[in-house]
Amino acid sequence: MIVGNLISYILKGIIPIIIVLVVLYGVIRKVKVYECFVEGSKDGISICLRIFPYLLAMIIAVNVFRASGALDFFIRLVKPVVKFIGLPPEVVPLVLIKPLSGSGALGVFTDIIKQYGPDSYIGRVASIIMGSTETIFYTLTIYFGAVKIKNIRHTLVAAILADITAVIMAVNLAKFFF
């Protein structure tokens, strides 16, 4: 009981403990911790200002894609293929939105869980996909745009292949473990 309480207190205080350890390390190394913190905050604000236009453009693009009906058309188009690989057609909107927008994917995921339940096969596949895929285009747009990289080279291909692998593994893991 005492050990359980001690672990509980440590877990609740882990962030303050880490902060204190970082500050102590800085003091020991004779680093001006407060000044470094302020400089980092200034950099953070400038990064936010540089990222904002890319973020706004991405949000608008995702909303236009959904509102135009292009998403629904694409889902109807790929239904035979996804049924062949075992992916429930109900999860296709999540697979398509997740590379574009994390918040959009969260909305689609919430709808799937409300409609089919978290313990259904569809809910489990959707949960695994949410946890194992990335917001590829959002991440590339924001981070590459912030540092002014125009040529993304092989990053996009590698990221899409990783997402496809994650979707295939989600189907297989949901079948195997559940």
N, C-alpha and C. Protein backbone atom coordinates (compact mmCIF):
# COMPACT_ATOMS: atom_id res chain seq x y z
N MET A 1 0.83 -1.19 0.00
CA MET A 1 0.00 0.00 0.00
C MET A 1 0.87 1.25 0.00
N ILE A 2 1.91 1.27 0.84
CA ILE A 2 2.79 2.44 0.91
C ILE A 2 3.56 2.59 -0.39
N VAL A 3 4.03 1.48 -0.95
CA VAL A 3 4.76 1.52 -2.22
C VAL A 3 3.84 2.03 -3.33
N GLY A 4 2.59 1.58 -3.34
CA GLY A 4 1.62 2.02 -4.34
C GLY A 4 1.38 3.52 -4.26
N ASN A 5 1.26 4.05 -3.03
CA ASN A 5 1.07 5.49 -2.85
C ASN A 5 2.30 6.27 -3.32
N LEU A 6 3.48 5.75 -3.01
CA LEU A 6 4.72 6.41 -3.41
C LEU A 6 4.82 6.48 -4.94
N ILE A 7 4.51 5.37 -5.60
CA ILE A 7 4.55 5.35 -7.06
C ILE A 7 3.51 6.32 -7.64
N SER A 8 2.34 6.35 -7.02
CA SER A 8 1.29 7.27 -7.47
C SER A 8 1.74 8.73 -7.36
N TYR A 9 2.39 9.09 -6.25
CA TYR A 9 2.89 10.46 -6.08
C TYR A 9 3.98 10.78 -7.11
N ILE A 10 4.85 9.83 -7.37
CA ILE A 10 5.92 10.05 -8.34
C ILE A 10 5.33 10.25 -9.74
N LEU A 11 4.35 9.41 -10.11
CA LEU A 11 3.72 9.54 -11.42
C LEU A 11 2.99 10.87 -11.57
N LYS A 12 2.34 11.31 -10.52
CA LYS A 12 1.63 12.59 -10.58
C LYS A 12 2.59 13.77 -10.66
N GLY A 13 3.79 13.60 -10.12
CA GLY A 13 4.74 14.70 -10.10
C GLY A 13 5.88 14.55 -11.09
N ILE A 14 5.74 13.69 -12.08
CA ILE A 14 6.85 13.40 -12.99
C ILE A 14 7.28 14.62 -13.79
N ILE A 15 6.32 15.44 -14.26
CA ILE A 15 6.67 16.63 -15.05
C ILE A 15 7.44 17.64 -14.18
N PRO A 16 6.94 17.99 -12.98
CA PRO A 16 7.74 18.90 -12.14
C PRO A 16 9.11 18.32 -11.78
N ILE A 17 9.19 17.01 -11.59
CA ILE A 17 10.47 16.38 -11.28
C ILE A 17 11.44 16.55 -12.45
N ILE A 18 10.96 16.34 -13.66
CA ILE A 18 11.81 16.50 -14.84
C ILE A 18 12.27 17.95 -14.97
N ILE A 19 11.36 18.89 -14.75
CA ILE A 19 11.73 20.31 -14.83
C ILE A 19 12.80 20.65 -13.81
N VAL A 20 12.63 20.19 -12.59
CA VAL A 20 13.63 20.45 -11.53
C VAL A 20 14.97 19.83 -11.91
N LEU A 21 14.96 18.62 -12.44
CA LEU A 21 16.20 17.96 -12.84
C LEU A 21 16.92 18.73 -13.95
N VAL A 22 16.15 19.23 -14.93
CA VAL A 22 16.75 20.00 -16.03
C VAL A 22 17.36 21.29 -15.49
N VAL A 23 16.64 21.97 -14.61
CA VAL A 23 17.15 23.22 -14.02
C VAL A 23 18.40 22.94 -13.20
N LEU A 24 18.38 21.90 -12.38
CA LEU A 24 19.56 21.55 -11.58
C LEU A 24 20.75 21.20 -12.47
N TYR A 25 20.52 20.47 -13.53
CA TYR A 25 21.59 20.13 -14.45
C TYR A 25 22.18 21.40 -15.06
N GLY A 26 21.31 22.34 -15.46
CA GLY A 26 21.78 23.61 -16.02
C GLY A 26 22.58 24.41 -15.02
N VAL A 27 22.14 24.44 -13.77
CA VAL A 27 22.87 25.18 -12.73
C VAL A 27 24.23 24.55 -12.48
N ILE A 28 24.26 23.23 -12.43
CA ILE A 28 25.53 22.53 -12.21
C ILE A 28 26.51 22.81 -13.35
N ARG A 29 25.99 22.88 -14.59
CA ARG A 29 26.83 23.15 -15.76
C ARG A 29 27.08 24.64 -15.97
N LYS A 30 26.59 25.47 -15.03
CA LYS A 30 26.77 26.93 -15.07
C LYS A 30 26.14 27.57 -16.31
N VAL A 31 24.94 27.08 -16.65
CA VAL A 31 24.17 27.63 -17.76
C VAL A 31 23.16 28.62 -17.18
N LYS A 32 22.95 29.73 -17.86
CA LYS A 32 21.96 30.69 -17.42
C LYS A 32 20.59 30.16 -17.86
N VAL A 33 19.98 29.39 -16.97
CA VAL A 33 18.77 28.63 -17.30
C VAL A 33 17.62 29.55 -17.69
N TYR A 34 17.38 30.59 -16.92
CA TYR A 34 16.25 31.47 -17.20
C TYR A 34 16.42 32.17 -18.55
N GLU A 35 17.62 32.66 -18.81
CA GLU A 35 17.87 33.34 -20.08
C GLU A 35 17.68 32.39 -21.26
N CYS A 36 18.14 31.16 -21.11
CA CYS A 36 17.95 30.15 -22.17
C CYS A 36 16.47 29.85 -22.38
N PHE A 37 15.71 29.81 -21.29
CA PHE A 37 14.28 29.57 -21.38
C PHE A 37 13.59 30.70 -22.15
N VAL A 38 13.95 31.95 -21.83
CA VAL A 38 13.36 33.10 -22.50
C VAL A 38 13.72 33.09 -23.99
N GLU A 39 14.97 32.78 -24.32
CA GLU A 39 15.38 32.72 -25.73
C GLU A 39 14.60 31.62 -26.47
N GLY A 40 14.43 30.49 -25.83
CA GLY A 40 13.66 29.40 -26.43
C GLY A 40 12.21 29.81 -26.65
N SER A 41 11.65 30.54 -25.72
CA SER A 41 10.27 31.02 -25.88
C SER A 41 10.15 31.98 -27.05
N LYS A 42 11.14 32.86 -27.20
CA LYS A 42 11.13 33.77 -28.34
C LYS A 42 11.19 33.00 -29.66
N ASP A 43 12.03 31.98 -29.71
CA ASP A 43 12.12 31.15 -30.91
C ASP A 43 10.80 30.43 -31.18
N GLY A 44 10.15 29.97 -30.12
CA GLY A 44 8.87 29.28 -30.27
C GLY A 44 7.80 30.18 -30.87
N ILE A 45 7.77 31.42 -30.43
CA ILE A 45 6.79 32.36 -30.98
C ILE A 45 7.07 32.63 -32.45
N SER A 46 8.33 32.81 -32.80
CA SER A 46 8.65 33.06 -34.22
C SER A 46 8.33 31.85 -35.08
N ILE A 47 8.54 30.65 -34.55
CA ILE A 47 8.20 29.44 -35.30
C ILE A 47 6.69 29.36 -35.51
N CYS A 48 5.92 29.69 -34.48
CA CYS A 48 4.46 29.69 -34.62
C CYS A 48 4.01 30.66 -35.71
N LEU A 49 4.61 31.82 -35.75
CA LEU A 49 4.26 32.80 -36.78
C LEU A 49 4.64 32.32 -38.18
N ARG A 50 5.77 31.62 -38.30
CA ARG A 50 6.17 31.09 -39.61
C ARG A 50 5.29 29.92 -40.05
N ILE A 51 4.82 29.12 -39.10
CA ILE A 51 4.03 27.94 -39.40
C ILE A 51 2.58 28.29 -39.73
N PHE A 52 2.05 29.35 -39.16
CA PHE A 52 0.63 29.66 -39.27
C PHE A 52 0.08 29.66 -40.70
N PRO A 53 0.72 30.31 -41.68
CA PRO A 53 0.15 30.29 -43.04
C PRO A 53 0.02 28.89 -43.62
N TYR A 54 0.99 28.04 -43.36
CA TYR A 54 0.95 26.66 -43.86
C TYR A 54 -0.17 25.88 -43.18
N LEU A 55 -0.33 26.10 -41.88
CA LEU A 55 -1.38 25.44 -41.12
C LEU A 55 -2.75 25.86 -41.63
N LEU A 56 -2.95 27.14 -41.84
CA LEU A 56 -4.22 27.66 -42.33
C LEU A 56 -4.54 27.09 -43.72
N ALA A 57 -3.55 27.06 -44.59
CA ALA A 57 -3.76 26.51 -45.94
C ALA A 57 -4.16 25.04 -45.88
N MET A 58 -3.54 24.28 -44.98
CA MET A 58 -3.84 22.86 -44.86
C MET A 58 -5.26 22.65 -44.34
N ILE A 59 -5.67 23.42 -43.36
CA ILE A 59 -7.01 23.30 -42.79
C ILE A 59 -8.07 23.62 -43.86
N ILE A 60 -7.83 24.68 -44.61
CA ILE A 60 -8.78 25.06 -45.67
C ILE A 60 -8.86 23.97 -46.73
N ALA A 61 -7.72 23.41 -47.14
CA ALA A 61 -7.70 22.36 -48.16
C ALA A 61 -8.49 21.13 -47.71
N VAL A 62 -8.32 20.72 -46.48
CA VAL A 62 -9.05 19.55 -45.96
C VAL A 62 -10.55 19.82 -45.93
N ASN A 63 -10.94 20.99 -45.49
CA ASN A 63 -12.36 21.31 -45.42
C ASN A 63 -12.99 21.39 -46.82
N VAL A 64 -12.27 21.94 -47.78
CA VAL A 64 -12.78 22.00 -49.16
C VAL A 64 -12.92 20.59 -49.72
N PHE A 65 -11.97 19.71 -49.45
CA PHE A 65 -12.01 18.33 -49.93
C PHE A 65 -13.23 17.61 -49.39
N ARG A 66 -13.51 17.79 -48.11
CA ARG A 66 -14.67 17.13 -47.49
C ARG A 66 -15.98 17.74 -47.98
N ALA A 67 -16.05 19.07 -48.03
CA ALA A 67 -17.30 19.76 -48.39
C ALA A 67 -17.65 19.57 -49.86
N SER A 68 -16.67 19.38 -50.71
CA SER A 68 -16.94 19.26 -52.15
C SER A 68 -17.56 17.93 -52.53
N GLY A 69 -17.49 16.96 -51.65
CA GLY A 69 -18.00 15.63 -51.97
C GLY A 69 -16.94 14.73 -52.59
N ALA A 70 -15.73 15.25 -52.79
CA ALA A 70 -14.66 14.46 -53.38
C ALA A 70 -14.31 13.27 -52.50
N LEU A 71 -14.39 13.46 -51.19
CA LEU A 71 -14.07 12.37 -50.26
C LEU A 71 -15.07 11.22 -50.43
N ASP A 72 -16.36 11.55 -50.49
CA ASP A 72 -17.39 10.51 -50.66
C ASP A 72 -17.23 9.78 -52.00
N PHE A 73 -16.91 10.52 -53.04
CA PHE A 73 -16.71 9.92 -54.36
C PHE A 73 -15.53 8.94 -54.31
N PHE A 74 -14.44 9.36 -53.70
CA PHE A 74 -13.25 8.51 -53.63
C PHE A 74 -13.52 7.25 -52.81
N ILE A 75 -14.29 7.38 -51.76
CA ILE A 75 -14.62 6.22 -50.92
C ILE A 75 -15.41 5.19 -51.74
N ARG A 76 -16.39 5.66 -52.50
CA ARG A 76 -17.16 4.74 -53.36
C ARG A 76 -16.26 4.08 -54.40
N LEU A 77 -15.29 4.81 -54.87
CA LEU A 77 -14.38 4.31 -55.90
C LEU A 77 -13.49 3.18 -55.38
N VAL A 78 -13.01 3.29 -54.15
CA VAL A 78 -12.05 2.31 -53.63
C VAL A 78 -12.68 1.20 -52.79
N LYS A 79 -14.00 1.19 -52.64
CA LYS A 79 -14.66 0.17 -51.82
C LYS A 79 -14.31 -1.26 -52.22
N PRO A 80 -14.32 -1.61 -53.50
CA PRO A 80 -13.98 -3.00 -53.87
C PRO A 80 -12.55 -3.39 -53.47
N VAL A 81 -11.64 -2.46 -53.59
CA VAL A 81 -10.24 -2.75 -53.25
C VAL A 81 -10.08 -2.98 -51.75
N VAL A 82 -10.71 -2.11 -50.95
CA VAL A 82 -10.53 -2.25 -49.50
C VAL A 82 -11.22 -3.50 -48.96
N LYS A 83 -12.31 -3.88 -49.58
CA LYS A 83 -12.96 -5.13 -49.16
C LYS A 83 -12.04 -6.32 -49.45
N PHE A 84 -11.31 -6.25 -50.56
CA PHE A 84 -10.39 -7.32 -50.95
C PHE A 84 -9.28 -7.50 -49.92
N ILE A 85 -8.72 -6.40 -49.40
CA ILE A 85 -7.63 -6.51 -48.42
C ILE A 85 -8.14 -6.70 -46.99
N GLY A 86 -9.46 -6.64 -46.80
CA GLY A 86 -10.03 -6.89 -45.48
C GLY A 86 -10.29 -5.64 -44.66
N LEU A 87 -10.03 -4.49 -45.22
CA LEU A 87 -10.29 -3.24 -44.50
C LEU A 87 -11.77 -2.92 -44.58
N PRO A 88 -12.41 -2.72 -43.44
CA PRO A 88 -13.84 -2.38 -43.48
C PRO A 88 -14.05 -1.06 -44.23
N PRO A 89 -14.99 -1.01 -45.16
CA PRO A 89 -15.24 0.23 -45.91
C PRO A 89 -15.60 1.42 -45.01
N GLU A 90 -16.12 1.12 -43.83
CA GLU A 90 -16.50 2.18 -42.88
C GLU A 90 -15.28 2.93 -42.36
N VAL A 91 -14.10 2.33 -42.48
CA VAL A 91 -12.87 2.93 -41.97
C VAL A 91 -12.14 3.74 -43.05
N VAL A 92 -12.56 3.60 -44.29
CA VAL A 92 -11.89 4.30 -45.40
C VAL A 92 -11.81 5.82 -45.19
N PRO A 93 -12.90 6.48 -44.72
CA PRO A 93 -12.75 7.93 -44.49
C PRO A 93 -11.64 8.27 -43.51
N LEU A 94 -11.47 7.45 -42.49
CA LEU A 94 -10.39 7.67 -41.53
C LEU A 94 -9.02 7.52 -42.19
N VAL A 95 -8.88 6.48 -43.01
CA VAL A 95 -7.61 6.25 -43.70
C VAL A 95 -7.27 7.41 -44.63
N LEU A 96 -8.28 7.99 -45.25
CA LEU A 96 -8.05 9.08 -46.19
C LEU A 96 -7.83 10.42 -45.50
N ILE A 97 -8.52 10.66 -44.39
CA ILE A 97 -8.41 11.95 -43.71
C ILE A 97 -7.17 12.02 -42.81
N LYS A 98 -6.78 10.92 -42.22
CA LYS A 98 -5.67 10.93 -41.26
C LYS A 98 -4.38 11.51 -41.84
N PRO A 99 -3.97 11.20 -43.09
CA PRO A 99 -2.75 11.83 -43.60
C PRO A 99 -2.88 13.34 -43.80
N LEU A 100 -4.10 13.83 -43.88
CA LEU A 100 -4.31 15.25 -44.12
C LEU A 100 -4.49 16.07 -42.85
N SER A 101 -5.26 15.54 -41.91
CA SER A 101 -5.63 16.33 -40.74
C SER A 101 -5.86 15.46 -39.52
N GLY A 102 -5.14 15.73 -38.46
CA GLY A 102 -5.32 14.99 -37.22
C GLY A 102 -6.67 15.28 -36.58
N SER A 103 -7.09 16.54 -36.58
CA SER A 103 -8.38 16.88 -35.98
C SER A 103 -9.53 16.35 -36.82
N GLY A 104 -9.39 16.39 -38.14
CA GLY A 104 -10.41 15.80 -39.01
C GLY A 104 -10.51 14.30 -38.78
N ALA A 105 -9.35 13.66 -38.63
CA ALA A 105 -9.33 12.22 -38.38
C ALA A 105 -9.96 11.90 -37.03
N LEU A 106 -9.73 12.75 -36.05
CA LEU A 106 -10.32 12.53 -34.73
C LEU A 106 -11.84 12.60 -34.81
N GLY A 107 -12.36 13.53 -35.61
CA GLY A 107 -13.80 13.63 -35.80
C GLY A 107 -14.37 12.39 -36.47
N VAL A 108 -13.71 11.92 -37.52
CA VAL A 108 -14.14 10.71 -38.22
C VAL A 108 -14.05 9.51 -37.28
N PHE A 109 -12.96 9.42 -36.54
CA PHE A 109 -12.76 8.32 -35.59
C PHE A 109 -13.87 8.31 -34.53
N THR A 110 -14.19 9.48 -34.02
CA THR A 110 -15.25 9.59 -33.02
C THR A 110 -16.58 9.09 -33.58
N ASP A 111 -16.88 9.46 -34.82
CA ASP A 111 -18.11 8.99 -35.45
C ASP A 111 -18.11 7.47 -35.59
N ILE A 112 -16.98 6.90 -35.98
CA ILE A 112 -16.88 5.44 -36.12
C ILE A 112 -17.12 4.76 -34.78
N ILE A 113 -16.49 5.26 -33.73
CA ILE A 113 -16.64 4.65 -32.41
C ILE A 113 -18.07 4.78 -31.90
N LYS A 114 -18.69 5.93 -32.12
CA LYS A 114 -20.09 6.12 -31.69
C LYS A 114 -21.02 5.17 -32.43
N GLN A 115 -20.79 4.99 -33.72
CA GLN A 115 -21.68 4.18 -34.53
C GLN A 115 -21.47 2.69 -34.33
N TYR A 116 -20.21 2.24 -34.27
CA TYR A 116 -19.94 0.80 -34.24
C TYR A 116 -19.44 0.28 -32.89
N GLY A 117 -19.02 1.19 -32.02
CA GLY A 117 -18.53 0.80 -30.70
C GLY A 117 -17.04 0.50 -30.71
N PRO A 118 -16.39 0.71 -29.56
CA PRO A 118 -14.94 0.51 -29.48
C PRO A 118 -14.52 -0.96 -29.50
N ASP A 119 -15.42 -1.87 -29.16
CA ASP A 119 -15.07 -3.28 -29.10
C ASP A 119 -15.45 -4.05 -30.36
N SER A 120 -15.99 -3.36 -31.35
CA SER A 120 -16.31 -4.03 -32.60
C SER A 120 -15.03 -4.15 -33.44
N TYR A 121 -15.10 -5.01 -34.44
CA TYR A 121 -13.94 -5.17 -35.33
C TYR A 121 -13.61 -3.84 -36.00
N ILE A 122 -14.63 -3.13 -36.45
CA ILE A 122 -14.43 -1.83 -37.11
C ILE A 122 -13.81 -0.83 -36.14
N GLY A 123 -14.30 -0.80 -34.91
CA GLY A 123 -13.76 0.11 -33.91
C GLY A 123 -12.31 -0.20 -33.56
N ARG A 124 -11.98 -1.47 -33.50
CA ARG A 124 -10.60 -1.85 -33.19
C ARG A 124 -9.64 -1.51 -34.33
N VAL A 125 -10.08 -1.77 -35.56
CA VAL A 125 -9.24 -1.41 -36.71
C VAL A 125 -9.02 0.10 -36.73
N ALA A 126 -10.10 0.85 -36.51
CA ALA A 126 -9.99 2.31 -36.51
C ALA A 126 -9.07 2.79 -35.38
N SER A 127 -9.14 2.17 -34.23
CA SER A 127 -8.28 2.55 -33.10
C SER A 127 -6.81 2.30 -33.41
N ILE A 128 -6.52 1.15 -34.01
CA ILE A 128 -5.14 0.83 -34.35
C ILE A 128 -4.62 1.81 -35.41
N ILE A 129 -5.47 2.13 -36.38
CA ILE A 129 -5.07 3.09 -37.42
C ILE A 129 -4.80 4.46 -36.81
N MET A 130 -5.65 4.90 -35.90
CA MET A 130 -5.44 6.21 -35.26
C MET A 130 -4.11 6.26 -34.51
N GLY A 131 -3.75 5.15 -33.90
CA GLY A 131 -2.52 5.13 -33.12
C GLY A 131 -1.26 4.87 -33.91
N SER A 132 -1.39 4.35 -35.11
CA SER A 132 -0.18 3.93 -35.83
C SER A 132 0.09 4.71 -37.12
N THR A 133 -0.79 5.60 -37.50
CA THR A 133 -0.56 6.38 -38.72
C THR A 133 -0.25 7.83 -38.36
N GLU A 134 0.19 8.56 -39.35
CA GLU A 134 0.66 9.95 -39.13
C GLU A 134 -0.10 10.89 -40.04
N THR A 135 -0.15 12.14 -39.64
CA THR A 135 -0.73 13.20 -40.47
C THR A 135 0.35 13.68 -41.44
N ILE A 136 0.59 12.87 -42.46
CA ILE A 136 1.71 13.06 -43.37
C ILE A 136 1.75 14.45 -43.99
N PHE A 137 0.69 14.81 -44.67
CA PHE A 137 0.71 16.06 -45.43
C PHE A 137 0.74 17.27 -44.50
N TYR A 138 0.06 17.15 -43.38
CA TYR A 138 0.10 18.22 -42.38
C TYR A 138 1.53 18.40 -41.87
N THR A 139 2.16 17.30 -41.50
CA THR A 139 3.51 17.36 -40.96
C THR A 139 4.50 17.88 -41.99
N LEU A 140 4.42 17.37 -43.22
CA LEU A 140 5.32 17.85 -44.27
C LEU A 140 5.10 19.34 -44.54
N THR A 141 3.85 19.75 -44.62
CA THR A 141 3.54 21.14 -44.91
C THR A 141 4.07 22.05 -43.81
N ILE A 142 3.79 21.69 -42.58
CA ILE A 142 4.18 22.55 -41.46
C ILE A 142 5.69 22.58 -41.27
N TYR A 143 6.29 21.43 -41.09
CA TYR A 143 7.70 21.40 -40.73
C TYR A 143 8.63 21.73 -41.90
N PHE A 144 8.35 21.18 -43.06
CA PHE A 144 9.20 21.50 -44.20
C PHE A 144 8.98 22.95 -44.62
N GLY A 145 7.74 23.43 -44.53
CA GLY A 145 7.46 24.82 -44.85
C GLY A 145 8.11 25.79 -43.89
N ALA A 146 8.17 25.42 -42.61
CA ALA A 146 8.75 26.30 -41.60
C ALA A 146 10.24 26.52 -41.82
N VAL A 147 10.90 25.50 -42.35
CA VAL A 147 12.35 25.63 -42.59
C VAL A 147 12.66 25.87 -44.06
N LYS A 148 11.61 26.18 -44.82
CA LYS A 148 11.74 26.59 -46.22
C LYS A 148 12.31 25.50 -47.14
N ILE A 149 11.98 24.24 -46.87
CA ILE A 149 12.39 23.14 -47.75
C ILE A 149 11.30 22.97 -48.80
N LYS A 150 11.65 23.11 -50.04
CA LYS A 150 10.68 22.99 -51.14
C LYS A 150 10.67 21.58 -51.74
N ASN A 151 11.81 20.92 -51.79
CA ASN A 151 11.93 19.59 -52.38
C ASN A 151 11.91 18.55 -51.27
N ILE A 152 10.80 17.82 -51.16
CA ILE A 152 10.68 16.85 -50.07
C ILE A 152 11.27 15.49 -50.41
N ARG A 153 11.75 15.35 -51.63
CA ARG A 153 12.43 14.15 -52.12
C ARG A 153 11.66 12.88 -51.81
N HIS A 154 12.27 12.00 -51.08
CA HIS A 154 11.69 10.68 -50.84
C HIS A 154 10.85 10.64 -49.57
N THR A 155 10.75 11.74 -48.88
CA THR A 155 10.02 11.75 -47.62
C THR A 155 8.56 11.37 -47.81
N LEU A 156 7.92 11.95 -48.79
CA LEU A 156 6.50 11.69 -49.03
C LEU A 156 6.25 10.23 -49.37
N VAL A 157 7.06 9.66 -50.25
CA VAL A 157 6.89 8.25 -50.63
C VAL A 157 7.09 7.35 -49.42
N ALA A 158 8.12 7.60 -48.64
CA ALA A 158 8.38 6.78 -47.45
C ALA A 158 7.24 6.90 -46.44
N ALA A 159 6.73 8.11 -46.26
CA ALA A 159 5.65 8.32 -45.30
C ALA A 159 4.36 7.62 -45.75
N ILE A 160 4.05 7.70 -47.04
CA ILE A 160 2.85 7.03 -47.55
C ILE A 160 2.99 5.51 -47.44
N LEU A 161 4.16 4.99 -47.74
CA LEU A 161 4.39 3.54 -47.59
C LEU A 161 4.26 3.11 -46.13
N ALA A 162 4.74 3.94 -45.23
CA ALA A 162 4.61 3.63 -43.80
C ALA A 162 3.14 3.62 -43.38
N ASP A 163 2.36 4.57 -43.88
CA ASP A 163 0.93 4.59 -43.55
C ASP A 163 0.20 3.39 -44.14
N ILE A 164 0.52 3.02 -45.37
CA ILE A 164 -0.11 1.84 -45.99
C ILE A 164 0.23 0.59 -45.18
N THR A 165 1.48 0.48 -44.77
CA THR A 165 1.89 -0.64 -43.94
C THR A 165 1.13 -0.66 -42.62
N ALA A 166 0.95 0.52 -42.03
CA ALA A 166 0.21 0.61 -40.76
C ALA A 166 -1.24 0.18 -40.93
N VAL A 167 -1.86 0.54 -42.03
CA VAL A 167 -3.26 0.16 -42.28
C VAL A 167 -3.36 -1.35 -42.47
N ILE A 168 -2.47 -1.92 -43.25
CA ILE A 168 -2.48 -3.38 -43.47
C ILE A 168 -2.23 -4.11 -42.15
N MET A 169 -1.30 -3.61 -41.35
CA MET A 169 -1.03 -4.23 -40.05
C MET A 169 -2.21 -4.07 -39.10
N ALA A 170 -2.92 -2.95 -39.19
CA ALA A 170 -4.10 -2.74 -38.34
C ALA A 170 -5.15 -3.80 -38.61
N VAL A 171 -5.39 -4.09 -39.90
CA VAL A 171 -6.35 -5.12 -40.28
C VAL A 171 -5.90 -6.47 -39.74
N ASN A 172 -4.64 -6.81 -39.94
CA ASN A 172 -4.13 -8.10 -39.51
C ASN A 172 -4.08 -8.23 -37.98
N LEU A 173 -3.67 -7.18 -37.30
CA LEU A 173 -3.61 -7.24 -35.84
C LEU A 173 -5.00 -7.35 -35.23
N ALA A 174 -5.95 -6.62 -35.78
CA ALA A 174 -7.32 -6.70 -35.26
C ALA A 174 -7.89 -8.10 -35.47
N LYS A 175 -7.58 -8.72 -36.60
CA LYS A 175 -8.04 -10.09 -36.84
C LYS A 175 -7.35 -11.08 -35.91
N PHE A 176 -6.04 -10.91 -35.74
CA PHE A 176 -5.24 -11.87 -34.98
C PHE A 176 -5.50 -11.80 -33.48
N PHE A 177 -5.49 -10.59 -32.91
CA PHE A 177 -5.60 -10.45 -31.46
C PHE A 177 -7.03 -10.37 -30.96
N PHE A 178 -7.95 -10.02 -31.82
CA PHE A 178 -9.32 -9.83 -31.32
C PHE A 178 -10.22 -10.77 -32.05
